[in-house]
């Protein structure tokens, strides 16, 4: 019974509209007995809009049946509706580049500062919504994610039935991912270096942390070349190749930081730096350079390589404090 319900819920009863899918809410116990009370209780600042959606039959159950204002708010049941994107969403002034497109896949170069999927204040200005609107592919879906701050190769599937095989490929670590980073130069280590640690990320907290215990994260880090930066006097930088063998949140950032060479432009490690939504300066110098895998549908060997280049350090670039100093 549980398996049947899960399978049924994967298909939303409302179609994609202007690149955006409906929001799915599961009613929890609370001080409400009707749909009107539930929605207004959850989103009191949006009461007028929500009541208008109910009146226009745009709030439905998991079978697509319109819910009325006085419909019972049954704990555990599902509600679908379109939420309005924020009116003040800041445009991201960077374009997506399509690296590859066929009947099954779309592969793009994601720029810095562009989120992969809608979340929080980032809705229209996301890879998924931009591409759905541009290509007219309502079932387009990312097979994996790249952080908003990270640029590079991102793979998406074009049809609903393809999501499972490709997402499973990433979940089972059947994909070789190679990243590139710019960070302060360190020549006293015997490169390459393998970093292993235990990483913990608590829901609701911005940063992850390394804690004592059995390692659950592993990264191979290699120094590729020195980058001379005359404008910074004696400060020298290095270009690094990073190959993660696991996929923990912020793993590469933490592992570089643990070596005393935080990635240039990092807003989180070793010190939290808050920035405005319209600040597109000093990006994180971390790039998803390539993806390599055996295609789970065709059996073909595939490799996709980013064409982007990381911005080099200039007079405004300063390394984060060395956490080992």
C-alpha atoms as a PDB file:
ATOM      1  CA  UNK A   1       0.000   0.000   0.000  1.00  0.00           C
ATOM      2  CA  UNK A   2       2.803   2.420   0.890  1.00  0.00           C
ATOM      3  CA  UNK A   3       4.609   1.697  -2.371  1.00  0.00           C
ATOM      4  CA  UNK A   4       1.435   2.343  -4.377  1.00  0.00           C
ATOM      5  CA  UNK A   5       0.820   5.694  -2.650  1.00  0.00           C
ATOM      6  CA  UNK A   6       4.444   6.800  -3.207  1.00  0.00           C
ATOM      7  CA  UNK A   7       4.274   5.940  -6.901  1.00  0.00           C
ATOM      8  CA  UNK A   8       1.004   7.809  -7.314  1.00  0.00           C
ATOM      9  CA  UNK A   9       2.361  10.937  -5.621  1.00  0.00           C
ATOM     10  CA  UNK A  10       5.287  11.277  -8.001  1.00  0.00           C
ATOM     11  CA  UNK A  11       2.992  12.743 -10.668  1.00  0.00           C
ATOM     12  CA  UNK A  12       1.564  16.122  -9.666  1.00  0.00           C
ATOM     13  CA  UNK A  13      -2.117  16.614 -10.529  1.00  0.00           C
ATOM     14  CA  UNK A  14      -1.436  20.161 -11.796  1.00  0.00           C
ATOM     15  CA  UNK A  15       0.675  20.793 -14.920  1.00  0.00           C
ATOM     16  CA  UNK A  16       3.833  22.860 -15.185  1.00  0.00           C
ATOM     17  CA  UNK A  17       2.918  26.520 -15.658  1.00  0.00           C
ATOM     18  CA  UNK A  18       5.425  29.039 -16.995  1.00  0.00           C
ATOM     19  CA  UNK A  19       8.251  26.690 -16.073  1.00  0.00           C
ATOM     20  CA  UNK A  20       7.048  26.187 -12.502  1.00  0.00           C
ATOM     21  CA  UNK A  21       5.458  23.100 -11.025  1.00  0.00           C
ATOM     22  CA  UNK A  22       2.892  23.190  -8.230  1.00  0.00           C
ATOM     23  CA  UNK A  23       3.871  23.137  -4.580  1.00  0.00           C
ATOM     24  CA  UNK A  24       2.960  19.965  -2.689  1.00  0.00           C
ATOM     25  CA  UNK A  25       1.958  20.326   0.956  1.00  0.00           C
ATOM     26  CA  UNK A  26       1.186  17.526   3.401  1.00  0.00           C
ATOM     27  CA  UNK A  27      -1.258  18.636   6.053  1.00  0.00           C
ATOM     28  CA  UNK A  28       0.063  18.248   9.568  1.00  0.00           C
ATOM     29  CA  UNK A  29      -1.797  18.482  12.849  1.00  0.00           C
ATOM     30  CA  UNK A  30      -2.517  22.030  13.938  1.00  0.00           C
ATOM     31  CA  UNK A  31      -5.166  24.535  14.960  1.00  0.00           C
ATOM     32  CA  UNK A  32      -7.111  24.112  11.727  1.00  0.00           C
ATOM     33  CA  UNK A  33     -10.069  22.081  10.542  1.00  0.00           C
ATOM     34  CA  UNK A  34     -10.591  23.443   7.001  1.00  0.00           C
ATOM     35  CA  UNK A  35      -8.384  24.029   3.956  1.00  0.00           C
ATOM     36  CA  UNK A  36      -8.840  27.786   4.299  1.00  0.00           C
ATOM     37  CA  UNK A  37      -7.698  27.694   7.919  1.00  0.00           C
ATOM     38  CA  UNK A  38      -4.763  25.442   7.072  1.00  0.00           C
ATOM     39  CA  UNK A  39      -3.378  27.507   4.175  1.00  0.00           C
ATOM     40  CA  UNK A  40      -3.904  30.864   5.854  1.00  0.00           C
ATOM     41  CA  UNK A  41      -2.428  29.480   9.063  1.00  0.00           C
ATOM     42  CA  UNK A  42       0.685  28.333   7.164  1.00  0.00           C
ATOM     43  CA  UNK A  43       1.062  31.468   5.048  1.00  0.00           C
ATOM     44  CA  UNK A  44      -0.770  34.320   6.806  1.00  0.00           C
ATOM     45  CA  UNK A  45       1.016  37.012   4.779  1.00  0.00           C
ATOM     46  CA  UNK A  46      -0.482  35.531   1.581  1.00  0.00           C
ATOM     47  CA  UNK A  47      -4.077  35.086   2.734  1.00  0.00           C
ATOM     48  CA  UNK A  48      -5.799  37.074  -0.032  1.00  0.00           C
ATOM     49  CA  UNK A  49      -3.915  35.318  -2.820  1.00  0.00           C
ATOM     50  CA  UNK A  50      -4.542  31.879  -1.326  1.00  0.00           C
ATOM     51  CA  UNK A  51      -8.269  32.498  -0.981  1.00  0.00           C
ATOM     52  CA  UNK A  52      -8.378  33.676  -4.598  1.00  0.00           C
ATOM     53  CA  UNK A  53      -6.673  30.456  -5.687  1.00  0.00           C
ATOM     54  CA  UNK A  54      -9.208  28.372  -3.763  1.00  0.00           C
ATOM     55  CA  UNK A  55     -12.044  30.283  -5.440  1.00  0.00           C
ATOM     56  CA  UNK A  56     -10.445  29.714  -8.885  1.00  0.00           C
ATOM     57  CA  UNK A  57     -10.153  25.913  -8.336  1.00  0.00           C
ATOM     58  CA  UNK A  58      -6.345  26.139  -8.233  1.00  0.00           C
ATOM     59  CA  UNK A  59      -6.016  24.289  -4.931  1.00  0.00           C
ATOM     60  CA  UNK A  60      -6.475  20.551  -5.458  1.00  0.00           C
ATOM     61  CA  UNK A  61      -5.971  17.207  -3.736  1.00  0.00           C
ATOM     62  CA  UNK A  62      -3.616  14.482  -4.974  1.00  0.00           C
ATOM     63  CA  UNK A  63      -6.237  13.282  -7.473  1.00  0.00           C
ATOM     64  CA  UNK A  64      -6.639  16.760  -8.934  1.00  0.00           C
ATOM     65  CA  UNK A  65     -10.034  17.454  -7.346  1.00  0.00           C
ATOM     66  CA  UNK A  66     -10.589  21.122  -6.411  1.00  0.00           C
ATOM     67  CA  UNK A  67     -10.679  21.828  -2.685  1.00  0.00           C
ATOM     68  CA  UNK A  68     -13.107  24.345  -1.258  1.00  0.00           C
ATOM     69  CA  UNK A  69     -12.496  26.793   1.552  1.00  0.00           C
ATOM     70  CA  UNK A  70     -14.570  24.616   3.894  1.00  0.00           C
ATOM     71  CA  UNK A  71     -13.063  21.287   2.737  1.00  0.00           C
ATOM     72  CA  UNK A  72     -11.758  19.269   5.672  1.00  0.00           C
ATOM     73  CA  UNK A  73      -8.026  19.610   6.406  1.00  0.00           C
ATOM     74  CA  UNK A  74      -7.303  15.907   6.872  1.00  0.00           C
ATOM     75  CA  UNK A  75      -3.967  15.289   8.594  1.00  0.00           C
ATOM     76  CA  UNK A  76      -1.594  13.437   6.267  1.00  0.00           C
ATOM     77  CA  UNK A  77      -3.441  14.305   3.059  1.00  0.00           C
ATOM     78  CA  UNK A  78      -1.816  16.210   0.195  1.00  0.00           C
ATOM     79  CA  UNK A  79      -2.628  19.643  -1.177  1.00  0.00           C
ATOM     80  CA  UNK A  80      -1.288  21.024  -4.473  1.00  0.00           C
ATOM     81  CA  UNK A  81      -1.303  24.653  -5.566  1.00  0.00           C
ATOM     82  CA  UNK A  82       0.756  27.216  -7.451  1.00  0.00           C
ATOM     83  CA  UNK A  83       2.618  29.660  -5.226  1.00  0.00           C
ATOM     84  CA  UNK A  84       3.332  33.129  -6.595  1.00  0.00           C
ATOM     85  CA  UNK A  85       7.031  33.812  -7.256  1.00  0.00           C
ATOM     86  CA  UNK A  86       8.458  36.729  -5.258  1.00  0.00           C
ATOM     87  CA  UNK A  87       7.800  40.001  -7.043  1.00  0.00           C
ATOM     88  CA  UNK A  88      11.214  41.358  -6.051  1.00  0.00           C
ATOM     89  CA  UNK A  89      13.322  38.407  -7.242  1.00  0.00           C
ATOM     90  CA  UNK A  90      16.715  39.705  -8.386  1.00  0.00           C
ATOM     91  CA  UNK A  91      17.675  38.763 -11.976  1.00  0.00           C
ATOM     92  CA  UNK A  92      20.925  36.798 -12.254  1.00  0.00           C
ATOM     93  CA  UNK A  93      22.941  38.526 -15.023  1.00  0.00           C
ATOM     94  CA  UNK A  94      24.599  35.389 -16.393  1.00  0.00           C
ATOM     95  CA  UNK A  95      23.488  33.080 -19.192  1.00  0.00           C
ATOM     96  CA  UNK A  96      23.205  29.312 -19.340  1.00  0.00           C
ATOM     97  CA  UNK A  97      25.191  27.555 -22.060  1.00  0.00           C
ATOM     98  CA  UNK A  98      23.841  24.282 -23.462  1.00  0.00           C
ATOM     99  CA  UNK A  99      26.724  21.827 -23.873  1.00  0.00           C
ATOM    100  CA  UNK A 100      24.653  18.897 -25.156  1.00  0.00           C
ATOM    101  CA  UNK A 101      21.052  18.086 -25.996  1.00  0.00           C
ATOM    102  CA  UNK A 102      19.405  14.890 -27.222  1.00  0.00           C
ATOM    103  CA  UNK A 103      16.052  13.171 -26.726  1.00  0.00           C
ATOM    104  CA  UNK A 104      16.968  12.097 -23.186  1.00  0.00           C
ATOM    105  CA  UNK A 105      19.383  14.645 -21.764  1.00  0.00           C
ATOM    106  CA  UNK A 106      20.161  18.335 -21.589  1.00  0.00           C
ATOM    107  CA  UNK A 107      23.620  19.206 -20.256  1.00  0.00           C
ATOM    108  CA  UNK A 108      24.443  22.815 -19.420  1.00  0.00           C
ATOM    109  CA  UNK A 109      27.191  25.003 -18.053  1.00  0.00           C
ATOM    110  CA  UNK A 110      25.629  26.558 -14.957  1.00  0.00           C
ATOM    111  CA  UNK A 111      26.993  30.006 -14.093  1.00  0.00           C
ATOM    112  CA  UNK A 112      27.844  31.137 -10.584  1.00  0.00           C
ATOM    113  CA  UNK A 113      24.973  32.585  -8.509  1.00  0.00           C
ATOM    114  CA  UNK A 114      22.231  30.682 -10.374  1.00  0.00           C
ATOM    115  CA  UNK A 115      20.377  28.095  -8.279  1.00  0.00           C
ATOM    116  CA  UNK A 116      19.617  24.682  -9.788  1.00  0.00           C
ATOM    117  CA  UNK A 117      15.973  24.442  -8.662  1.00  0.00           C
ATOM    118  CA  UNK A 118      13.432  26.833  -7.102  1.00  0.00           C
ATOM    119  CA  UNK A 119      13.981  27.379  -3.417  1.00  0.00           C
ATOM    120  CA  UNK A 120      13.434  30.278  -1.059  1.00  0.00           C
ATOM    121  CA  UNK A 121      13.857  33.610  -2.849  1.00  0.00           C
ATOM    122  CA  UNK A 122      15.208  31.939  -6.004  1.00  0.00           C
ATOM    123  CA  UNK A 123      12.304  30.848  -8.207  1.00  0.00           C
ATOM    124  CA  UNK A 124      12.280  32.134 -11.779  1.00  0.00           C
ATOM    125  CA  UNK A 125      16.021  32.767 -11.665  1.00  0.00           C
ATOM    126  CA  UNK A 126      16.965  29.080 -11.555  1.00  0.00           C
ATOM    127  CA  UNK A 127      18.366  26.645 -14.075  1.00  0.00           C
ATOM    128  CA  UNK A 128      15.234  24.515 -14.088  1.00  0.00           C
ATOM    129  CA  UNK A 129      12.698  27.289 -14.676  1.00  0.00           C
ATOM    130  CA  UNK A 130      14.850  29.087 -17.240  1.00  0.00           C
ATOM    131  CA  UNK A 131      15.367  25.917 -19.286  1.00  0.00           C
ATOM    132  CA  UNK A 132      11.771  24.720 -19.084  1.00  0.00           C
ATOM    133  CA  UNK A 133      10.645  28.051 -20.484  1.00  0.00           C
ATOM    134  CA  UNK A 134      13.420  28.283 -23.071  1.00  0.00           C
ATOM    135  CA  UNK A 135      13.139  24.717 -24.390  1.00  0.00           C
ATOM    136  CA  UNK A 136       9.452  24.050 -23.792  1.00  0.00           C
ATOM    137  CA  UNK A 137      10.262  20.881 -21.820  1.00  0.00           C
ATOM    138  CA  UNK A 138       7.813  20.732 -18.928  1.00  0.00           C
ATOM    139  CA  UNK A 139       9.175  17.410 -17.627  1.00  0.00           C
ATOM    140  CA  UNK A 140      12.776  18.597 -17.527  1.00  0.00           C
ATOM    141  CA  UNK A 141      14.378  17.664 -14.200  1.00  0.00           C
ATOM    142  CA  UNK A 142      17.945  17.786 -12.772  1.00  0.00           C
ATOM    143  CA  UNK A 143      19.578  14.402 -12.220  1.00  0.00           C
ATOM    144  CA  UNK A 144      21.777  15.977  -9.521  1.00  0.00           C
ATOM    145  CA  UNK A 145      22.397  19.407  -8.043  1.00  0.00           C
ATOM    146  CA  UNK A 146      25.156  21.974  -7.930  1.00  0.00           C
ATOM    147  CA  UNK A 147      25.246  24.628  -5.216  1.00  0.00           C
ATOM    148  CA  UNK A 148      24.124  28.108  -6.205  1.00  0.00           C
ATOM    149  CA  UNK A 149      27.674  29.372  -5.625  1.00  0.00           C
ATOM    150  CA  UNK A 150      29.319  26.687  -7.789  1.00  0.00           C
ATOM    151  CA  UNK A 151      29.502  26.807 -11.588  1.00  0.00           C
ATOM    152  CA  UNK A 152      29.916  24.103 -14.206  1.00  0.00           C
ATOM    153  CA  UNK A 153      28.454  20.964 -15.724  1.00  0.00           C
ATOM    154  CA  UNK A 154      24.881  20.093 -14.768  1.00  0.00           C
ATOM    155  CA  UNK A 155      22.880  17.194 -16.255  1.00  0.00           C
ATOM    156  CA  UNK A 156      19.088  17.191 -16.629  1.00  0.00           C
ATOM    157  CA  UNK A 157      16.668  14.575 -17.972  1.00  0.00           C
ATOM    158  CA  UNK A 158      13.954  15.479 -20.467  1.00  0.00           C
ATOM    159  CA  UNK A 159      11.178  13.050 -19.468  1.00  0.00           C
ATOM    160  CA  UNK A 160       9.667  11.844 -16.231  1.00  0.00           C
ATOM    161  CA  UNK A 161      10.471   8.159 -16.831  1.00  0.00           C
ATOM    162  CA  UNK A 162      14.191   8.948 -17.160  1.00  0.00           C
ATOM    163  CA  UNK A 163      14.603  10.611 -13.775  1.00  0.00           C
ATOM    164  CA  UNK A 164      14.975   7.388 -11.805  1.00  0.00           C
ATOM    165  CA  UNK A 165      17.819   5.752 -13.790  1.00  0.00           C
ATOM    166  CA  UNK A 166      19.951   8.892 -13.973  1.00  0.00           C
ATOM    167  CA  UNK A 167      19.317  10.064 -10.412  1.00  0.00           C
ATOM    168  CA  UNK A 168      20.130   6.556  -9.157  1.00  0.00           C
ATOM    169  CA  UNK A 169      23.394   6.678 -11.118  1.00  0.00           C
ATOM    170  CA  UNK A 170      24.438   9.751  -9.136  1.00  0.00           C
ATOM    171  CA  UNK A 171      23.145   8.407  -5.821  1.00  0.00           C
ATOM    172  CA  UNK A 172      25.169   5.202  -6.251  1.00  0.00           C
ATOM    173  CA  UNK A 173      28.301   7.183  -7.156  1.00  0.00           C
ATOM    174  CA  UNK A 174      28.570   5.693 -10.618  1.00  0.00           C
ATOM    175  CA  UNK A 175      29.602   9.106 -11.959  1.00  0.00           C
ATOM    176  CA  UNK A 176      33.159  10.418 -11.938  1.00  0.00           C
ATOM    177  CA  UNK A 177      32.998  14.098 -11.019  1.00  0.00           C
ATOM    178  CA  UNK A 178      36.016  16.362 -11.384  1.00  0.00           C
ATOM    179  CA  UNK A 179      36.068  19.903 -10.023  1.00  0.00           C
ATOM    180  CA  UNK A 180      38.504  22.769 -10.364  1.00  0.00           C
ATOM    181  CA  UNK A 181      39.246  25.384  -7.719  1.00  0.00           C
ATOM    182  CA  UNK A 182      41.472  28.387  -7.119  1.00  0.00           C
ATOM    183  CA  UNK A 183      42.867  28.766  -3.616  1.00  0.00           C
ATOM    184  CA  UNK A 184      46.018  30.027  -1.897  1.00  0.00           C
ATOM    185  CA  UNK A 185      49.121  28.179  -3.005  1.00  0.00           C
ATOM    186  CA  UNK A 186      50.555  25.575  -0.684  1.00  0.00           C
ATOM    187  CA  UNK A 187      53.734  23.861  -1.820  1.00  0.00           C
ATOM    188  CA  UNK A 188      54.765  22.177   1.435  1.00  0.00           C
ATOM    189  CA  UNK A 189      52.363  19.242   1.013  1.00  0.00           C
ATOM    190  CA  UNK A 190      53.138  16.038  -0.854  1.00  0.00           C
ATOM    191  CA  UNK A 191      50.563  16.337  -3.620  1.00  0.00           C
ATOM    192  CA  UNK A 192      48.179  14.721  -4.384  1.00  0.00           C
ATOM    193  CA  UNK A 193      46.461  14.572  -1.003  1.00  0.00           C
ATOM    194  CA  UNK A 194      43.478  12.455   0.008  1.00  0.00           C
ATOM    195  CA  UNK A 195      41.319  14.070   2.691  1.00  0.00           C
ATOM    196  CA  UNK A 196      38.926  11.959   4.760  1.00  0.00           C
ATOM    197  CA  UNK A 197      36.659  13.284   7.488  1.00  0.00           C
ATOM    198  CA  UNK A 198      33.233  13.024   9.049  1.00  0.00           C
ATOM    199  CA  UNK A 199      30.903  15.795   7.896  1.00  0.00           C
ATOM    200  CA  UNK A 200      27.640  16.714   9.583  1.00  0.00           C
ATOM    201  CA  UNK A 201      25.010  19.022   8.094  1.00  0.00           C
ATOM    202  CA  UNK A 202      22.011  19.897  10.273  1.00  0.00           C
ATOM    203  CA  UNK A 203      18.789  20.857   8.491  1.00  0.00           C
ATOM    204  CA  UNK A 204      18.109  24.560   8.832  1.00  0.00           C
ATOM    205  CA  UNK A 205      21.754  25.491   9.378  1.00  0.00           C
ATOM    206  CA  UNK A 206      23.691  27.198   6.594  1.00  0.00           C
ATOM    207  CA  UNK A 207      27.067  25.556   7.096  1.00  0.00           C
ATOM    208  CA  UNK A 208      28.243  22.001   7.582  1.00  0.00           C
ATOM    209  CA  UNK A 209      30.918  20.983  10.059  1.00  0.00           C
ATOM    210  CA  UNK A 210      33.626  18.367  10.390  1.00  0.00           C
ATOM    211  CA  UNK A 211      33.256  16.358  13.587  1.00  0.00           C
ATOM    212  CA  UNK A 212      35.160  13.495  15.211  1.00  0.00           C
ATOM    213  CA  UNK A 213      34.158  10.007  14.146  1.00  0.00           C
ATOM    214  CA  UNK A 214      34.273   7.496  11.324  1.00  0.00           C
ATOM    215  CA  UNK A 215      34.918   9.321   8.022  1.00  0.00           C
ATOM    216  CA  UNK A 216      31.911   9.618   5.701  1.00  0.00           C
ATOM    217  CA  UNK A 217      33.529  11.963   3.168  1.00  0.00           C
ATOM    218  CA  UNK A 218      36.602  11.534   0.962  1.00  0.00           C
ATOM    219  CA  UNK A 219      38.205  13.843  -1.617  1.00  0.00           C
ATOM    220  CA  UNK A 220      41.330  13.581  -3.775  1.00  0.00           C
ATOM    221  CA  UNK A 221      42.974  17.005  -4.130  1.00  0.00           C
ATOM    222  CA  UNK A 222      45.772  17.762  -6.604  1.00  0.00           C
ATOM    223  CA  UNK A 223      47.771  20.925  -7.223  1.00  0.00           C
ATOM    224  CA  UNK A 224      47.689  21.525 -10.975  1.00  0.00           C
ATOM    225  CA  UNK A 225      49.628  24.792 -11.348  1.00  0.00           C
ATOM    226  CA  UNK A 226      50.738  27.973  -9.671  1.00  0.00           C
ATOM    227  CA  UNK A 227      48.942  31.178 -10.616  1.00  0.00           C
ATOM    228  CA  UNK A 228      51.123  34.245 -10.353  1.00  0.00           C
ATOM    229  CA  UNK A 229      49.249  37.343  -9.254  1.00  0.00           C
ATOM    230  CA  UNK A 230      51.658  40.321  -9.482  1.00  0.00           C
ATOM    231  CA  UNK A 231      48.969  42.758  -8.396  1.00  0.00           C
ATOM    232  CA  UNK A 232      48.895  41.042  -5.014  1.00  0.00           C
ATOM    233  CA  UNK A 233      52.604  41.311  -4.380  1.00  0.00           C
ATOM    234  CA  UNK A 234      53.932  38.121  -2.824  1.00  0.00           C
ATOM    235  CA  UNK A 235      50.525  36.404  -2.624  1.00  0.00           C
ATOM    236  CA  UNK A 236      50.410  33.380  -4.912  1.00  0.00           C
ATOM    237  CA  UNK A 237      47.495  31.163  -5.794  1.00  0.00           C
ATOM    238  CA  UNK A 238      47.127  27.625  -6.996  1.00  0.00           C
ATOM    239  CA  UNK A 239      44.778  25.898  -9.401  1.00  0.00           C
ATOM    240  CA  UNK A 240      43.586  22.614  -7.920  1.00  0.00           C
ATOM    241  CA  UNK A 241      41.839  19.538  -9.272  1.00  0.00           C
ATOM    242  CA  UNK A 242      39.333  18.041  -6.841  1.00  0.00           C
ATOM    243  CA  UNK A 243      37.797  14.595  -7.218  1.00  0.00           C
ATOM    244  CA  UNK A 244      35.166  13.785  -4.584  1.00  0.00           C
ATOM    245  CA  UNK A 245      34.604  10.096  -3.847  1.00  0.00           C
ATOM    246  CA  UNK A 246      31.534  10.897  -1.741  1.00  0.00           C
ATOM    247  CA  UNK A 247      28.922  13.637  -1.994  1.00  0.00           C
ATOM    248  CA  UNK A 248      28.445  15.328   1.351  1.00  0.00           C
ATOM    249  CA  UNK A 249      27.166  18.910   1.557  1.00  0.00           C
ATOM    250  CA  UNK A 250      30.021  21.430   1.064  1.00  0.00           C
ATOM    251  CA  UNK A 251      32.512  18.565   1.153  1.00  0.00           C
ATOM    252  CA  UNK A 252      35.074  20.123  -1.180  1.00  0.00           C
ATOM    253  CA  UNK A 253      34.921  23.501   0.537  1.00  0.00           C
ATOM    254  CA  UNK A 254      35.458  21.918   3.949  1.00  0.00           C
ATOM    255  CA  UNK A 255      38.276  19.659   2.778  1.00  0.00           C
ATOM    256  CA  UNK A 256      40.136  22.536   1.127  1.00  0.00           C
ATOM    257  CA  UNK A 257      39.661  24.609   4.263  1.00  0.00           C
ATOM    258  CA  UNK A 258      40.975  21.774   6.428  1.00  0.00           C
ATOM    259  CA  UNK A 259      44.229  21.923   4.429  1.00  0.00           C
ATOM    260  CA  UNK A 260      44.562  25.620   5.225  1.00  0.00           C
ATOM    261  CA  UNK A 261      43.696  26.714   1.679  1.00  0.00           C
ATOM    262  CA  UNK A 262      40.067  27.913   1.635  1.00  0.00           C
ATOM    263  CA  UNK A 263      38.646  28.291  -1.861  1.00  0.00           C
ATOM    264  CA  UNK A 264      38.802  31.868  -3.104  1.00  0.00           C
ATOM    265  CA  UNK A 265      35.443  33.653  -2.787  1.00  0.00           C
ATOM    266  CA  UNK A 266      33.958  31.203  -0.270  1.00  0.00           C
ATOM    267  CA  UNK A 267      31.152  32.864   1.701  1.00  0.00           C
ATOM    268  CA  UNK A 268      30.908  30.048   4.253  1.00  0.00           C
ATOM    269  CA  UNK A 269      34.319  28.659   5.185  1.00  0.00           C
ATOM    270  CA  UNK A 270      36.229  29.410   7.283  1.00  0.00           C
ATOM    271  CA  UNK A 271      34.128  32.493   8.103  1.00  0.00           C
ATOM    272  CA  UNK A 272      30.471  33.160   7.281  1.00  0.00           C
ATOM    273  CA  UNK A 273      30.091  36.162   4.990  1.00  0.00           C
ATOM    274  CA  UNK A 274      26.606  37.506   4.289  1.00  0.00           C
ATOM    275  CA  UNK A 275      25.974  39.057   0.895  1.00  0.00           C
ATOM    276  CA  UNK A 276      23.015  40.792  -0.734  1.00  0.00           C
ATOM    277  CA  UNK A 277      21.021  38.976  -3.411  1.00  0.00           C
ATOM    278  CA  UNK A 278      22.210  41.543  -5.961  1.00  0.00           C
ATOM    279  CA  UNK A 279      25.920  41.142  -5.152  1.00  0.00           C
ATOM    280  CA  UNK A 280      27.468  39.140  -7.996  1.00  0.00           C
ATOM    281  CA  UNK A 281      31.091  40.020  -7.249  1.00  0.00           C
ATOM    282  CA  UNK A 282      33.890  37.751  -6.012  1.00  0.00           C
ATOM    283  CA  UNK A 283      32.319  34.372  -6.908  1.00  0.00           C
ATOM    284  CA  UNK A 284      33.339  31.107  -5.321  1.00  0.00           C
ATOM    285  CA  UNK A 285      36.207  29.823  -7.492  1.00  0.00           C
ATOM    286  CA  UNK A 286      34.808  26.304  -7.689  1.00  0.00           C
ATOM    287  CA  UNK A 287      33.832  24.738 -11.006  1.00  0.00           C
ATOM    288  CA  UNK A 288      32.288  21.386 -11.867  1.00  0.00           C
ATOM    289  CA  UNK A 289      34.730  20.717 -14.694  1.00  0.00           C
ATOM    290  CA  UNK A 290      33.520  17.334 -15.954  1.00  0.00           C
ATOM    291  CA  UNK A 291      31.128  14.402 -15.557  1.00  0.00           C
ATOM    292  CA  UNK A 292      31.986  10.931 -16.839  1.00  0.00           C
ATOM    293  CA  UNK A 293      29.730   7.863 -16.668  1.00  0.00           C
ATOM    294  CA  UNK A 294      28.265   4.851 -18.418  1.00  0.00           C
ATOM    295  CA  UNK A 295      24.829   5.849 -19.672  1.00  0.00           C
ATOM    296  CA  UNK A 296      22.236   3.788 -17.741  1.00  0.00           C
ATOM    297  CA  UNK A 297      19.892   3.716 -20.766  1.00  0.00           C
ATOM    298  CA  UNK A 298      22.159   3.241 -23.797  1.00  0.00           C
ATOM    299  CA  UNK A 299      25.246   1.736 -22.144  1.00  0.00           C
ATOM    300  CA  UNK A 300      27.314   4.384 -23.956  1.00  0.00           C
ATOM    301  CA  UNK A 301      30.377   5.926 -22.315  1.00  0.00           C
ATOM    302  CA  UNK A 302      29.745   9.640 -21.875  1.00  0.00           C
ATOM    303  CA  UNK A 303      31.825  12.603 -20.804  1.00  0.00           C
ATOM    304  CA  UNK A 304      30.764  16.232 -20.587  1.00  0.00           C
ATOM    305  CA  UNK A 305      33.317  18.999 -19.991  1.00  0.00           C
ATOM    306  CA  UNK A 306      32.680  22.584 -18.918  1.00  0.00           C
ATOM    307  CA  UNK A 307      33.821  25.387 -21.184  1.00  0.00           C
ATOM    308  CA  UNK A 308      33.847  27.947 -18.374  1.00  0.00           C
ATOM    309  CA  UNK A 309      36.972  29.435 -16.858  1.00  0.00           C
ATOM    310  CA  UNK A 310      37.268  30.481 -13.249  1.00  0.00           C
ATOM    311  CA  UNK A 311      37.913  34.214 -12.745  1.00  0.00           C
ATOM    312  CA  UNK A 312      41.528  34.794 -11.791  1.00  0.00           C
ATOM    313  CA  UNK A 313      42.401  36.687  -8.620  1.00  0.00           C
ATOM    314  CA  UNK A 314      42.779  40.458  -8.992  1.00  0.00           C
ATOM    315  CA  UNK A 315      43.448  43.393  -6.720  1.00  0.00           C
ATOM    316  CA  UNK A 316      40.113  42.910  -4.949  1.00  0.00           C
ATOM    317  CA  UNK A 317      40.743  39.254  -4.200  1.00  0.00           C
ATOM    318  CA  UNK A 318      42.037  38.372  -0.776  1.00  0.00           C
ATOM    319  CA  UNK A 319      42.399  34.900   0.671  1.00  0.00           C
ATOM    320  CA  UNK A 320      40.258  33.938   3.621  1.00  0.00           C
ATOM    321  CA  UNK A 321      42.127  33.699   6.924  1.00  0.00           C
ATOM    322  CA  UNK A 322      44.186  30.523   7.112  1.00  0.00           C
ATOM    323  CA  UNK A 323      42.378  28.301   9.632  1.00  0.00           C
ATOM    324  CA  UNK A 324      45.656  26.506  10.395  1.00  0.00           C
ATOM    325  CA  UNK A 325      47.599  29.675  11.213  1.00  0.00           C
END
